[in-house]
Amino acid sequence: MSHSAEQSEVCCGDCGNCVKCSNEKEHAPGVPISLAKVGEHGTIVRISGKEETRRFLAGLGFTTGSKVSTVCQIDGNLVLEVKGSKIAIDRSMASRIMFCPES
């Protein structure tokens, strides 16, 4: 599956909140979860960054299609809930997790 085909399957339809891929040519839906408010929840639509970073986040449970919510923020770092676990990550790592907020 090509990169753009994968993204079009998970497009949240909220193009006003979209961000661009690293190559600036393809549509990447969602917003970084680092911008989410406490209590906000949604679905992960993409994980950006180097392969090593994506594998690390996948190992923690942050995978495309997973439900995620923001539990709290402390000094810019976040506690997120994914797949029944609460995980603390720094803002830099959270900025790699693109999600589509639920209304």
N, C-alpha and C. Protein backbone atom coordinates (compact mmCIF):
# COMPACT_ATOMS: atom_id res chain seq x y z
N MET A 1 0.85 -1.18 0.00
CA MET A 1 0.00 0.00 0.00
C MET A 1 0.89 1.23 0.00
N SER A 2 0.61 2.17 -0.88
CA SER A 2 1.42 3.37 -0.96
C SER A 2 1.12 4.28 0.22
N HIS A 3 2.02 5.20 0.46
CA HIS A 3 1.89 6.14 1.57
C HIS A 3 0.60 6.95 1.44
N SER A 4 0.32 7.48 0.24
CA SER A 4 -0.86 8.31 0.07
C SER A 4 -2.14 7.49 0.14
N ALA A 5 -2.12 6.24 -0.32
CA ALA A 5 -3.31 5.40 -0.22
C ALA A 5 -3.63 5.09 1.23
N GLU A 6 -2.60 4.84 2.03
CA GLU A 6 -2.80 4.57 3.45
C GLU A 6 -3.43 5.76 4.12
N GLN A 7 -2.97 6.97 3.80
CA GLN A 7 -3.49 8.16 4.44
C GLN A 7 -4.92 8.44 4.03
N SER A 8 -5.27 8.23 2.75
CA SER A 8 -6.62 8.54 2.31
C SER A 8 -7.64 7.63 2.98
N GLU A 9 -7.25 6.42 3.37
CA GLU A 9 -8.17 5.51 4.04
C GLU A 9 -8.53 5.98 5.44
N VAL A 10 -7.65 6.75 6.09
CA VAL A 10 -7.90 7.16 7.45
C VAL A 10 -8.19 8.66 7.56
N CYS A 11 -8.43 9.33 6.44
CA CYS A 11 -8.68 10.77 6.46
C CYS A 11 -9.87 11.07 7.37
N CYS A 12 -9.66 11.98 8.28
CA CYS A 12 -10.71 12.34 9.23
C CYS A 12 -11.74 13.27 8.61
N GLY A 13 -11.44 13.83 7.45
CA GLY A 13 -12.38 14.73 6.79
C GLY A 13 -12.37 16.14 7.34
N ASP A 14 -11.56 16.38 8.35
CA ASP A 14 -11.49 17.69 8.97
C ASP A 14 -10.29 18.44 8.39
N CYS A 15 -10.39 18.80 7.11
CA CYS A 15 -9.24 19.36 6.40
C CYS A 15 -8.77 20.69 6.97
N GLY A 16 -9.60 21.37 7.73
CA GLY A 16 -9.17 22.60 8.36
C GLY A 16 -8.14 22.37 9.45
N ASN A 17 -8.04 21.14 9.96
CA ASN A 17 -7.08 20.82 11.01
C ASN A 17 -5.96 19.91 10.54
N CYS A 18 -5.81 19.77 9.23
CA CYS A 18 -4.80 18.84 8.71
C CYS A 18 -3.40 19.43 8.80
N VAL A 19 -2.44 18.54 8.79
CA VAL A 19 -1.03 18.92 8.72
C VAL A 19 -0.46 18.25 7.49
N LYS A 20 0.72 18.66 7.08
CA LYS A 20 1.35 18.10 5.89
C LYS A 20 2.38 17.05 6.27
N CYS A 21 2.55 16.10 5.35
CA CYS A 21 3.59 15.07 5.52
C CYS A 21 4.96 15.71 5.44
N SER A 22 5.98 14.92 5.80
CA SER A 22 7.34 15.42 5.75
C SER A 22 7.76 15.77 4.33
N ASN A 23 7.17 15.12 3.31
CA ASN A 23 7.56 15.45 1.95
C ASN A 23 6.74 16.59 1.36
N GLU A 24 5.82 17.15 2.12
CA GLU A 24 5.02 18.32 1.75
C GLU A 24 4.11 18.11 0.54
N LYS A 25 3.97 16.87 0.05
CA LYS A 25 3.15 16.64 -1.14
C LYS A 25 1.90 15.84 -0.84
N GLU A 26 1.83 15.18 0.28
CA GLU A 26 0.71 14.31 0.55
C GLU A 26 -0.10 14.81 1.74
N HIS A 27 -1.37 14.53 1.69
CA HIS A 27 -2.31 14.93 2.73
C HIS A 27 -2.14 14.02 3.95
N ALA A 28 -1.98 14.59 5.11
CA ALA A 28 -1.87 13.81 6.35
C ALA A 28 -2.90 14.34 7.33
N PRO A 29 -3.97 13.60 7.58
CA PRO A 29 -5.04 14.09 8.43
C PRO A 29 -4.64 14.16 9.90
N GLY A 30 -5.38 14.93 10.64
CA GLY A 30 -5.20 14.95 12.08
C GLY A 30 -4.37 16.10 12.59
N VAL A 31 -4.29 16.15 13.90
CA VAL A 31 -3.51 17.17 14.59
C VAL A 31 -2.61 16.45 15.59
N PRO A 32 -1.48 17.05 15.95
CA PRO A 32 -0.62 16.42 16.95
C PRO A 32 -1.35 16.34 18.30
N ILE A 33 -1.24 15.21 18.96
CA ILE A 33 -1.94 15.07 20.24
C ILE A 33 -1.33 15.98 21.30
N SER A 34 -0.14 16.50 21.04
CA SER A 34 0.46 17.45 21.98
C SER A 34 -0.37 18.73 22.08
N LEU A 35 -1.25 18.97 21.12
CA LEU A 35 -2.13 20.15 21.14
C LEU A 35 -3.49 19.87 21.76
N ALA A 36 -3.74 18.62 22.14
CA ALA A 36 -5.04 18.24 22.70
C ALA A 36 -5.23 18.82 24.10
N LYS A 37 -6.48 19.06 24.44
CA LYS A 37 -6.83 19.51 25.79
C LYS A 37 -7.01 18.28 26.67
N VAL A 38 -6.82 18.48 27.97
CA VAL A 38 -7.02 17.39 28.92
C VAL A 38 -8.47 16.89 28.79
N GLY A 39 -8.63 15.59 28.71
CA GLY A 39 -9.94 14.97 28.56
C GLY A 39 -10.36 14.75 27.12
N GLU A 40 -9.63 15.34 26.18
CA GLU A 40 -9.97 15.16 24.76
C GLU A 40 -9.56 13.76 24.31
N HIS A 41 -10.37 13.17 23.45
CA HIS A 41 -10.06 11.83 22.96
C HIS A 41 -10.36 11.75 21.47
N GLY A 42 -9.77 10.75 20.84
CA GLY A 42 -9.95 10.58 19.41
C GLY A 42 -9.25 9.32 18.93
N THR A 43 -8.99 9.26 17.64
CA THR A 43 -8.38 8.10 17.02
C THR A 43 -7.05 8.49 16.39
N ILE A 44 -6.03 7.67 16.60
CA ILE A 44 -4.72 7.92 16.00
C ILE A 44 -4.82 7.66 14.51
N VAL A 45 -4.39 8.64 13.70
CA VAL A 45 -4.46 8.49 12.26
C VAL A 45 -3.09 8.35 11.61
N ARG A 46 -2.02 8.73 12.33
CA ARG A 46 -0.68 8.62 11.76
C ARG A 46 0.35 8.84 12.85
N ILE A 47 1.48 8.18 12.71
CA ILE A 47 2.64 8.42 13.58
C ILE A 47 3.75 8.92 12.68
N SER A 48 4.29 10.09 12.98
CA SER A 48 5.36 10.64 12.15
C SER A 48 6.71 10.41 12.82
N GLY A 49 7.75 10.77 12.12
CA GLY A 49 9.09 10.65 12.66
C GLY A 49 9.88 9.53 12.01
N LYS A 50 11.07 9.33 12.54
CA LYS A 50 11.95 8.28 12.02
C LYS A 50 11.35 6.91 12.33
N GLU A 51 11.79 5.91 11.58
CA GLU A 51 11.31 4.54 11.77
C GLU A 51 11.50 4.08 13.21
N GLU A 52 12.62 4.40 13.79
CA GLU A 52 12.90 4.00 15.18
C GLU A 52 11.87 4.60 16.15
N THR A 53 11.53 5.85 15.93
CA THR A 53 10.53 6.53 16.77
C THR A 53 9.16 5.89 16.60
N ARG A 54 8.78 5.62 15.35
CA ARG A 54 7.48 5.00 15.09
C ARG A 54 7.39 3.62 15.72
N ARG A 55 8.48 2.85 15.66
CA ARG A 55 8.49 1.52 16.29
C ARG A 55 8.38 1.63 17.80
N PHE A 56 9.09 2.59 18.39
CA PHE A 56 9.03 2.80 19.83
C PHE A 56 7.60 3.11 20.28
N LEU A 57 6.96 4.06 19.58
CA LEU A 57 5.59 4.42 19.94
C LEU A 57 4.62 3.27 19.71
N ALA A 58 4.83 2.50 18.65
CA ALA A 58 3.98 1.32 18.40
C ALA A 58 4.13 0.32 19.53
N GLY A 59 5.33 0.15 20.05
CA GLY A 59 5.56 -0.76 21.17
C GLY A 59 4.83 -0.33 22.43
N LEU A 60 4.57 0.96 22.55
CA LEU A 60 3.81 1.48 23.70
C LEU A 60 2.31 1.39 23.48
N GLY A 61 1.90 1.07 22.25
CA GLY A 61 0.47 0.93 21.95
C GLY A 61 -0.08 2.02 21.04
N PHE A 62 0.75 2.98 20.66
CA PHE A 62 0.29 4.07 19.81
C PHE A 62 0.38 3.62 18.35
N THR A 63 -0.72 3.07 17.85
CA THR A 63 -0.78 2.58 16.48
C THR A 63 -1.98 3.20 15.77
N THR A 64 -1.89 3.30 14.46
CA THR A 64 -2.97 3.85 13.65
C THR A 64 -4.26 3.09 13.92
N GLY A 65 -5.32 3.83 14.16
CA GLY A 65 -6.63 3.25 14.43
C GLY A 65 -6.95 3.08 15.91
N SER A 66 -5.94 3.23 16.77
CA SER A 66 -6.16 3.08 18.22
C SER A 66 -6.84 4.32 18.78
N LYS A 67 -7.70 4.11 19.77
CA LYS A 67 -8.32 5.22 20.49
C LYS A 67 -7.32 5.74 21.50
N VAL A 68 -7.26 7.05 21.65
CA VAL A 68 -6.32 7.69 22.56
C VAL A 68 -7.01 8.85 23.25
N SER A 69 -6.63 9.12 24.50
CA SER A 69 -7.18 10.28 25.21
C SER A 69 -6.08 10.91 26.06
N THR A 70 -6.25 12.21 26.29
CA THR A 70 -5.30 12.96 27.12
C THR A 70 -5.80 12.94 28.55
N VAL A 71 -4.99 12.36 29.45
CA VAL A 71 -5.37 12.25 30.86
C VAL A 71 -4.96 13.52 31.61
N CYS A 72 -3.72 13.95 31.43
CA CYS A 72 -3.27 15.19 32.07
C CYS A 72 -2.01 15.72 31.40
N GLN A 73 -1.71 16.98 31.70
CA GLN A 73 -0.48 17.62 31.22
C GLN A 73 0.27 18.15 32.43
N ILE A 74 1.57 17.88 32.46
CA ILE A 74 2.41 18.35 33.55
C ILE A 74 3.68 18.94 32.96
N ASP A 75 3.87 20.24 33.13
CA ASP A 75 5.05 20.93 32.60
C ASP A 75 5.29 20.64 31.13
N GLY A 76 4.23 20.59 30.32
CA GLY A 76 4.36 20.36 28.89
C GLY A 76 4.40 18.89 28.50
N ASN A 77 4.59 18.01 29.45
CA ASN A 77 4.58 16.58 29.18
C ASN A 77 3.15 16.07 29.33
N LEU A 78 2.86 14.92 28.73
CA LEU A 78 1.49 14.42 28.71
C LEU A 78 1.38 13.02 29.29
N VAL A 79 0.25 12.75 29.90
CA VAL A 79 -0.12 11.38 30.25
C VAL A 79 -1.28 11.06 29.32
N LEU A 80 -1.09 10.03 28.49
CA LEU A 80 -2.09 9.62 27.52
C LEU A 80 -2.60 8.24 27.87
N GLU A 81 -3.85 7.97 27.55
CA GLU A 81 -4.39 6.64 27.73
C GLU A 81 -4.60 6.02 26.36
N VAL A 82 -4.03 4.84 26.17
CA VAL A 82 -4.18 4.11 24.92
C VAL A 82 -4.23 2.62 25.25
N LYS A 83 -5.18 1.93 24.67
CA LYS A 83 -5.35 0.49 24.86
C LYS A 83 -5.38 0.10 26.34
N GLY A 84 -6.06 0.91 27.16
CA GLY A 84 -6.23 0.60 28.56
C GLY A 84 -5.05 0.93 29.46
N SER A 85 -3.99 1.51 28.90
CA SER A 85 -2.80 1.87 29.70
C SER A 85 -2.60 3.37 29.69
N LYS A 86 -2.13 3.89 30.82
CA LYS A 86 -1.77 5.30 30.91
C LYS A 86 -0.25 5.40 30.74
N ILE A 87 0.17 6.23 29.79
CA ILE A 87 1.59 6.33 29.45
C ILE A 87 1.99 7.79 29.44
N ALA A 88 3.09 8.11 30.14
CA ALA A 88 3.62 9.46 30.17
C ALA A 88 4.68 9.61 29.07
N ILE A 89 4.52 10.66 28.26
CA ILE A 89 5.52 10.95 27.23
C ILE A 89 5.76 12.45 27.19
N ASP A 90 6.92 12.83 26.67
CA ASP A 90 7.21 14.26 26.60
C ASP A 90 6.52 14.88 25.38
N ARG A 91 6.45 16.21 25.39
CA ARG A 91 5.74 16.94 24.34
C ARG A 91 6.33 16.64 22.96
N SER A 92 7.64 16.51 22.87
CA SER A 92 8.29 16.22 21.59
C SER A 92 7.79 14.90 21.01
N MET A 93 7.72 13.87 21.83
CA MET A 93 7.25 12.56 21.37
C MET A 93 5.75 12.63 21.05
N ALA A 94 4.99 13.35 21.86
CA ALA A 94 3.55 13.48 21.63
C ALA A 94 3.26 14.20 20.31
N SER A 95 4.15 15.09 19.90
CA SER A 95 3.93 15.83 18.65
C SER A 95 4.03 14.92 17.44
N ARG A 96 4.55 13.72 17.60
CA ARG A 96 4.65 12.74 16.51
C ARG A 96 3.36 11.94 16.32
N ILE A 97 2.47 12.01 17.31
CA ILE A 97 1.22 11.24 17.26
C ILE A 97 0.11 12.14 16.72
N MET A 98 -0.32 11.86 15.48
CA MET A 98 -1.40 12.62 14.86
C MET A 98 -2.71 11.90 15.14
N PHE A 99 -3.70 12.66 15.61
CA PHE A 99 -4.98 12.04 15.92
C PHE A 99 -6.12 12.90 15.39
N CYS A 100 -7.26 12.27 15.23
CA CYS A 100 -8.47 12.95 14.81
C CYS A 100 -9.38 13.03 16.03
N PRO A 101 -9.56 14.22 16.58
CA PRO A 101 -10.41 14.36 17.77
C PRO A 101 -11.85 13.99 17.48
N GLU A 102 -12.50 13.41 18.47
CA GLU A 102 -13.92 13.09 18.36
C GLU A 102 -14.70 14.27 18.92
N SER A 103 -15.83 14.55 18.29
CA SER A 103 -16.62 15.69 18.76
C SER A 103 -17.61 15.29 19.80
